[in-house]
Amino acid sequence: MGWSIKNKDNKWEIWSSITDSVIASFNEEKECVRFIAFEEIYKGKKKAIEELLCFPSGWHINNERQWRNKEQDEYFEWIKSINENCDTYKEYYKRIDQKLDELLNE
């Protein structure tokens, strides 16, 4: 994802090259940095979900590289679903938390 930050008159905006639009606006630098940090936390959670669903894909086991498995399709369909069906970041983050909790407590 290509993000850039615009700051004019102490108004902070995060611009996405993917949507070609502002995806978040803030009145303070601190709010902008918190948003970015929160997004990094959820990138980590999505990576954990990917490992839980797709393991052992991408790993070397006994000197043999493991490749794509059918579970990867489930992961990519889930990512596509939350990207297309969540109207707010709050809903998006909630769906990530729910999926991680579901997978960790199976």
N, C-alpha and C. Protein backbone atom coordinates (compact mmCIF):
# COMPACT_ATOMS: atom_id res chain seq x y z
N MET A 1 0.85 -1.17 0.00
CA MET A 1 0.00 0.00 0.00
C MET A 1 0.89 1.23 0.00
N GLY A 2 0.59 2.18 -0.85
CA GLY A 2 1.37 3.40 -0.93
C GLY A 2 0.69 4.53 -0.18
N TRP A 3 1.19 4.82 0.99
CA TRP A 3 0.67 5.92 1.78
C TRP A 3 1.66 7.06 1.80
N SER A 4 1.15 8.28 1.84
CA SER A 4 1.99 9.44 2.10
C SER A 4 1.23 10.36 3.05
N ILE A 5 1.97 11.21 3.71
CA ILE A 5 1.38 12.12 4.69
C ILE A 5 1.45 13.53 4.16
N LYS A 6 0.35 14.25 4.30
CA LYS A 6 0.30 15.66 3.93
C LYS A 6 0.01 16.45 5.20
N ASN A 7 0.75 17.53 5.38
CA ASN A 7 0.55 18.40 6.55
C ASN A 7 0.48 19.83 6.06
N LYS A 8 -0.69 20.43 6.21
CA LYS A 8 -0.87 21.83 5.83
C LYS A 8 -1.67 22.52 6.91
N ASP A 9 -1.15 23.60 7.40
CA ASP A 9 -1.80 24.36 8.47
C ASP A 9 -2.12 23.47 9.67
N ASN A 10 -1.20 22.58 10.00
CA ASN A 10 -1.29 21.64 11.11
C ASN A 10 -2.49 20.69 10.99
N LYS A 11 -2.95 20.47 9.77
CA LYS A 11 -3.95 19.42 9.51
C LYS A 11 -3.20 18.29 8.83
N TRP A 12 -3.28 17.11 9.44
CA TRP A 12 -2.54 15.95 8.96
C TRP A 12 -3.47 15.02 8.19
N GLU A 13 -3.03 14.61 7.01
CA GLU A 13 -3.82 13.70 6.19
C GLU A 13 -2.95 12.55 5.69
N ILE A 14 -3.54 11.38 5.65
CA ILE A 14 -2.86 10.23 5.06
C ILE A 14 -3.52 9.98 3.71
N TRP A 15 -2.69 10.01 2.69
CA TRP A 15 -3.13 9.84 1.31
C TRP A 15 -2.75 8.45 0.84
N SER A 16 -3.67 7.75 0.20
CA SER A 16 -3.41 6.43 -0.35
C SER A 16 -3.33 6.49 -1.87
N SER A 17 -2.23 5.98 -2.42
CA SER A 17 -2.11 5.95 -3.87
C SER A 17 -3.02 4.88 -4.47
N ILE A 18 -3.43 3.92 -3.65
CA ILE A 18 -4.31 2.87 -4.14
C ILE A 18 -5.71 3.41 -4.39
N THR A 19 -6.23 4.18 -3.43
CA THR A 19 -7.57 4.75 -3.61
C THR A 19 -7.52 6.14 -4.24
N ASP A 20 -6.32 6.68 -4.36
CA ASP A 20 -6.11 8.02 -4.90
C ASP A 20 -6.94 9.04 -4.13
N SER A 21 -6.92 8.88 -2.79
CA SER A 21 -7.71 9.78 -1.95
C SER A 21 -7.14 9.80 -0.53
N VAL A 22 -7.64 10.76 0.24
CA VAL A 22 -7.30 10.84 1.66
C VAL A 22 -8.08 9.75 2.38
N ILE A 23 -7.37 8.93 3.17
CA ILE A 23 -8.05 7.86 3.90
C ILE A 23 -8.23 8.19 5.38
N ALA A 24 -7.52 9.21 5.86
CA ALA A 24 -7.67 9.61 7.26
C ALA A 24 -7.16 11.04 7.43
N SER A 25 -7.84 11.80 8.28
CA SER A 25 -7.45 13.19 8.57
C SER A 25 -7.37 13.39 10.07
N PHE A 26 -6.42 14.24 10.49
CA PHE A 26 -6.20 14.46 11.92
C PHE A 26 -5.87 15.92 12.16
N ASN A 27 -6.24 16.40 13.35
CA ASN A 27 -5.94 17.77 13.74
C ASN A 27 -4.60 17.90 14.44
N GLU A 28 -4.02 16.77 14.87
CA GLU A 28 -2.74 16.80 15.56
C GLU A 28 -1.82 15.72 15.03
N GLU A 29 -0.54 16.01 15.03
CA GLU A 29 0.47 15.05 14.59
C GLU A 29 0.38 13.76 15.41
N LYS A 30 0.18 13.91 16.72
CA LYS A 30 0.11 12.76 17.61
C LYS A 30 -1.01 11.79 17.19
N GLU A 31 -2.15 12.32 16.78
CA GLU A 31 -3.26 11.47 16.32
C GLU A 31 -2.88 10.71 15.06
N CYS A 32 -2.18 11.36 14.17
CA CYS A 32 -1.73 10.74 12.92
C CYS A 32 -0.77 9.59 13.22
N VAL A 33 0.19 9.84 14.10
CA VAL A 33 1.17 8.80 14.45
C VAL A 33 0.48 7.63 15.14
N ARG A 34 -0.48 7.89 15.99
CA ARG A 34 -1.22 6.81 16.64
C ARG A 34 -1.96 5.95 15.62
N PHE A 35 -2.57 6.59 14.64
CA PHE A 35 -3.27 5.85 13.59
C PHE A 35 -2.28 4.93 12.85
N ILE A 36 -1.13 5.45 12.50
CA ILE A 36 -0.13 4.66 11.79
C ILE A 36 0.35 3.51 12.67
N ALA A 37 0.59 3.77 13.94
CA ALA A 37 1.02 2.71 14.86
C ALA A 37 -0.05 1.63 14.99
N PHE A 38 -1.29 2.04 15.11
CA PHE A 38 -2.40 1.09 15.22
C PHE A 38 -2.47 0.23 13.96
N GLU A 39 -2.29 0.83 12.80
CA GLU A 39 -2.29 0.08 11.55
C GLU A 39 -1.16 -0.95 11.53
N GLU A 40 0.00 -0.60 12.06
CA GLU A 40 1.12 -1.55 12.12
C GLU A 40 0.80 -2.73 13.03
N ILE A 41 0.12 -2.47 14.14
CA ILE A 41 -0.31 -3.56 15.03
C ILE A 41 -1.19 -4.53 14.26
N TYR A 42 -2.12 -4.00 13.48
CA TYR A 42 -3.04 -4.87 12.75
C TYR A 42 -2.39 -5.55 11.55
N LYS A 43 -1.34 -4.98 11.00
CA LYS A 43 -0.56 -5.70 9.98
C LYS A 43 0.03 -6.95 10.60
N GLY A 44 0.53 -6.82 11.82
CA GLY A 44 1.07 -7.98 12.53
C GLY A 44 0.01 -9.02 12.81
N LYS A 45 -1.17 -8.59 13.20
CA LYS A 45 -2.26 -9.52 13.46
C LYS A 45 -2.66 -10.25 12.17
N LYS A 46 -2.70 -9.53 11.05
CA LYS A 46 -3.03 -10.18 9.77
C LYS A 46 -1.95 -11.19 9.39
N LYS A 47 -0.70 -10.87 9.67
CA LYS A 47 0.39 -11.82 9.39
C LYS A 47 0.24 -13.07 10.25
N ALA A 48 -0.15 -12.90 11.50
CA ALA A 48 -0.38 -14.05 12.39
C ALA A 48 -1.53 -14.90 11.85
N ILE A 49 -2.59 -14.28 11.38
CA ILE A 49 -3.72 -15.02 10.80
C ILE A 49 -3.26 -15.78 9.57
N GLU A 50 -2.47 -15.14 8.74
CA GLU A 50 -1.95 -15.81 7.55
C GLU A 50 -1.15 -17.05 7.93
N GLU A 51 -0.29 -16.95 8.94
CA GLU A 51 0.49 -18.11 9.39
C GLU A 51 -0.43 -19.22 9.90
N LEU A 52 -1.42 -18.84 10.69
CA LEU A 52 -2.34 -19.84 11.24
C LEU A 52 -3.14 -20.56 10.16
N LEU A 53 -3.50 -19.85 9.11
CA LEU A 53 -4.30 -20.45 8.04
C LEU A 53 -3.45 -21.16 6.98
N CYS A 54 -2.26 -20.68 6.75
CA CYS A 54 -1.49 -21.15 5.59
C CYS A 54 -0.29 -22.02 5.92
N PHE A 55 0.05 -22.16 7.18
CA PHE A 55 1.22 -22.96 7.55
C PHE A 55 1.12 -24.35 6.94
N PRO A 56 2.17 -24.88 6.37
CA PRO A 56 3.57 -24.47 6.39
C PRO A 56 4.03 -23.72 5.15
N SER A 57 3.10 -23.20 4.37
CA SER A 57 3.48 -22.53 3.13
C SER A 57 4.52 -21.43 3.37
N GLY A 58 5.57 -21.46 2.56
CA GLY A 58 6.63 -20.47 2.66
C GLY A 58 7.78 -20.86 3.56
N TRP A 59 7.64 -21.91 4.32
CA TRP A 59 8.68 -22.36 5.24
C TRP A 59 9.50 -23.49 4.61
N HIS A 60 10.74 -23.59 5.05
CA HIS A 60 11.57 -24.75 4.71
C HIS A 60 11.42 -25.76 5.84
N ILE A 61 11.01 -26.95 5.50
CA ILE A 61 10.89 -28.02 6.48
C ILE A 61 11.72 -29.19 5.96
N ASN A 62 12.66 -29.63 6.79
CA ASN A 62 13.57 -30.71 6.39
C ASN A 62 14.21 -30.42 5.02
N ASN A 63 14.69 -29.19 4.88
CA ASN A 63 15.38 -28.73 3.67
C ASN A 63 14.52 -28.74 2.41
N GLU A 64 13.21 -28.73 2.58
CA GLU A 64 12.31 -28.67 1.42
C GLU A 64 11.35 -27.50 1.60
N ARG A 65 11.35 -26.64 0.60
CA ARG A 65 10.46 -25.48 0.67
C ARG A 65 9.01 -25.92 0.48
N GLN A 66 8.17 -25.46 1.39
CA GLN A 66 6.74 -25.78 1.32
C GLN A 66 6.04 -24.69 0.51
N TRP A 67 5.13 -25.09 -0.34
CA TRP A 67 4.45 -24.16 -1.21
C TRP A 67 3.00 -24.03 -0.86
N ARG A 68 2.36 -23.24 -1.64
CA ARG A 68 0.95 -22.88 -1.45
C ARG A 68 0.08 -24.11 -1.16
N ASN A 69 -0.83 -23.89 -0.25
CA ASN A 69 -1.80 -24.94 0.05
C ASN A 69 -3.20 -24.36 -0.07
N LYS A 70 -4.18 -25.20 0.00
CA LYS A 70 -5.57 -24.75 -0.20
C LYS A 70 -6.01 -23.75 0.85
N GLU A 71 -5.38 -23.79 2.03
CA GLU A 71 -5.76 -22.86 3.08
C GLU A 71 -5.43 -21.42 2.70
N GLN A 72 -4.45 -21.22 1.82
CA GLN A 72 -4.13 -19.86 1.40
C GLN A 72 -5.31 -19.22 0.69
N ASP A 73 -6.06 -20.02 -0.06
CA ASP A 73 -7.25 -19.49 -0.71
C ASP A 73 -8.22 -18.94 0.33
N GLU A 74 -8.36 -19.65 1.45
CA GLU A 74 -9.24 -19.18 2.52
C GLU A 74 -8.75 -17.84 3.07
N TYR A 75 -7.43 -17.73 3.28
CA TYR A 75 -6.87 -16.49 3.80
C TYR A 75 -7.12 -15.33 2.83
N PHE A 76 -6.82 -15.53 1.56
CA PHE A 76 -6.97 -14.45 0.60
C PHE A 76 -8.44 -14.08 0.38
N GLU A 77 -9.32 -15.04 0.45
CA GLU A 77 -10.75 -14.74 0.36
C GLU A 77 -11.22 -13.95 1.58
N TRP A 78 -10.69 -14.30 2.75
CA TRP A 78 -11.05 -13.58 3.98
C TRP A 78 -10.54 -12.14 3.90
N ILE A 79 -9.30 -11.93 3.47
CA ILE A 79 -8.75 -10.57 3.33
C ILE A 79 -9.60 -9.76 2.34
N LYS A 80 -9.91 -10.37 1.22
CA LYS A 80 -10.73 -9.69 0.22
C LYS A 80 -12.09 -9.31 0.81
N SER A 81 -12.67 -10.21 1.56
CA SER A 81 -13.98 -9.96 2.16
C SER A 81 -13.95 -8.78 3.13
N ILE A 82 -12.96 -8.74 4.02
CA ILE A 82 -12.95 -7.62 4.97
C ILE A 82 -12.59 -6.31 4.29
N ASN A 83 -11.75 -6.36 3.26
CA ASN A 83 -11.42 -5.13 2.53
C ASN A 83 -12.64 -4.58 1.80
N GLU A 84 -13.47 -5.45 1.28
CA GLU A 84 -14.62 -5.01 0.49
C GLU A 84 -15.87 -4.73 1.33
N ASN A 85 -15.97 -5.34 2.52
CA ASN A 85 -17.23 -5.29 3.26
C ASN A 85 -17.18 -4.51 4.57
N CYS A 86 -16.08 -3.91 4.88
CA CYS A 86 -16.01 -3.11 6.11
C CYS A 86 -16.03 -1.63 5.72
N ASP A 87 -16.97 -0.92 6.29
CA ASP A 87 -17.12 0.50 5.94
C ASP A 87 -16.27 1.42 6.80
N THR A 88 -15.82 0.94 7.95
CA THR A 88 -15.02 1.77 8.84
C THR A 88 -13.79 1.00 9.31
N TYR A 89 -12.79 1.74 9.75
CA TYR A 89 -11.61 1.08 10.32
C TYR A 89 -11.98 0.31 11.58
N LYS A 90 -12.89 0.84 12.36
CA LYS A 90 -13.32 0.15 13.58
C LYS A 90 -13.87 -1.23 13.25
N GLU A 91 -14.72 -1.32 12.23
CA GLU A 91 -15.29 -2.61 11.81
C GLU A 91 -14.18 -3.52 11.25
N TYR A 92 -13.28 -2.95 10.46
CA TYR A 92 -12.17 -3.70 9.87
C TYR A 92 -11.29 -4.32 10.96
N TYR A 93 -10.92 -3.51 11.94
CA TYR A 93 -10.08 -4.01 13.03
C TYR A 93 -10.83 -5.05 13.87
N LYS A 94 -12.11 -4.85 14.07
CA LYS A 94 -12.91 -5.81 14.84
C LYS A 94 -12.94 -7.17 14.15
N ARG A 95 -13.09 -7.18 12.83
CA ARG A 95 -13.11 -8.45 12.08
C ARG A 95 -11.76 -9.15 12.17
N ILE A 96 -10.68 -8.39 12.16
CA ILE A 96 -9.34 -8.99 12.30
C ILE A 96 -9.21 -9.60 13.69
N ASP A 97 -9.60 -8.86 14.73
CA ASP A 97 -9.54 -9.39 16.10
C ASP A 97 -10.37 -10.65 16.25
N GLN A 98 -11.57 -10.66 15.67
CA GLN A 98 -12.44 -11.83 15.76
C GLN A 98 -11.80 -13.05 15.10
N LYS A 99 -11.23 -12.86 13.93
CA LYS A 99 -10.62 -13.99 13.20
C LYS A 99 -9.42 -14.52 13.97
N LEU A 100 -8.60 -13.64 14.49
CA LEU A 100 -7.42 -14.07 15.24
C LEU A 100 -7.85 -14.83 16.49
N ASP A 101 -8.84 -14.31 17.20
CA ASP A 101 -9.34 -14.97 18.40
C ASP A 101 -9.91 -16.36 18.06
N GLU A 102 -10.67 -16.42 16.97
CA GLU A 102 -11.25 -17.70 16.53
C GLU A 102 -10.15 -18.73 16.25
N LEU A 103 -9.12 -18.32 15.53
CA LEU A 103 -8.04 -19.25 15.16
C LEU A 103 -7.18 -19.67 16.35
N LEU A 104 -6.95 -18.74 17.27
CA LEU A 104 -6.12 -19.07 18.43
C LEU A 104 -6.84 -19.94 19.44
N ASN A 105 -8.17 -19.92 19.39
CA ASN A 105 -8.94 -20.67 20.38
C ASN A 105 -9.63 -21.90 19.80
N GLU A 106 -9.19 -22.35 18.63
CA GLU A 106 -9.76 -23.56 18.03
C GLU A 106 -9.33 -24.78 18.82
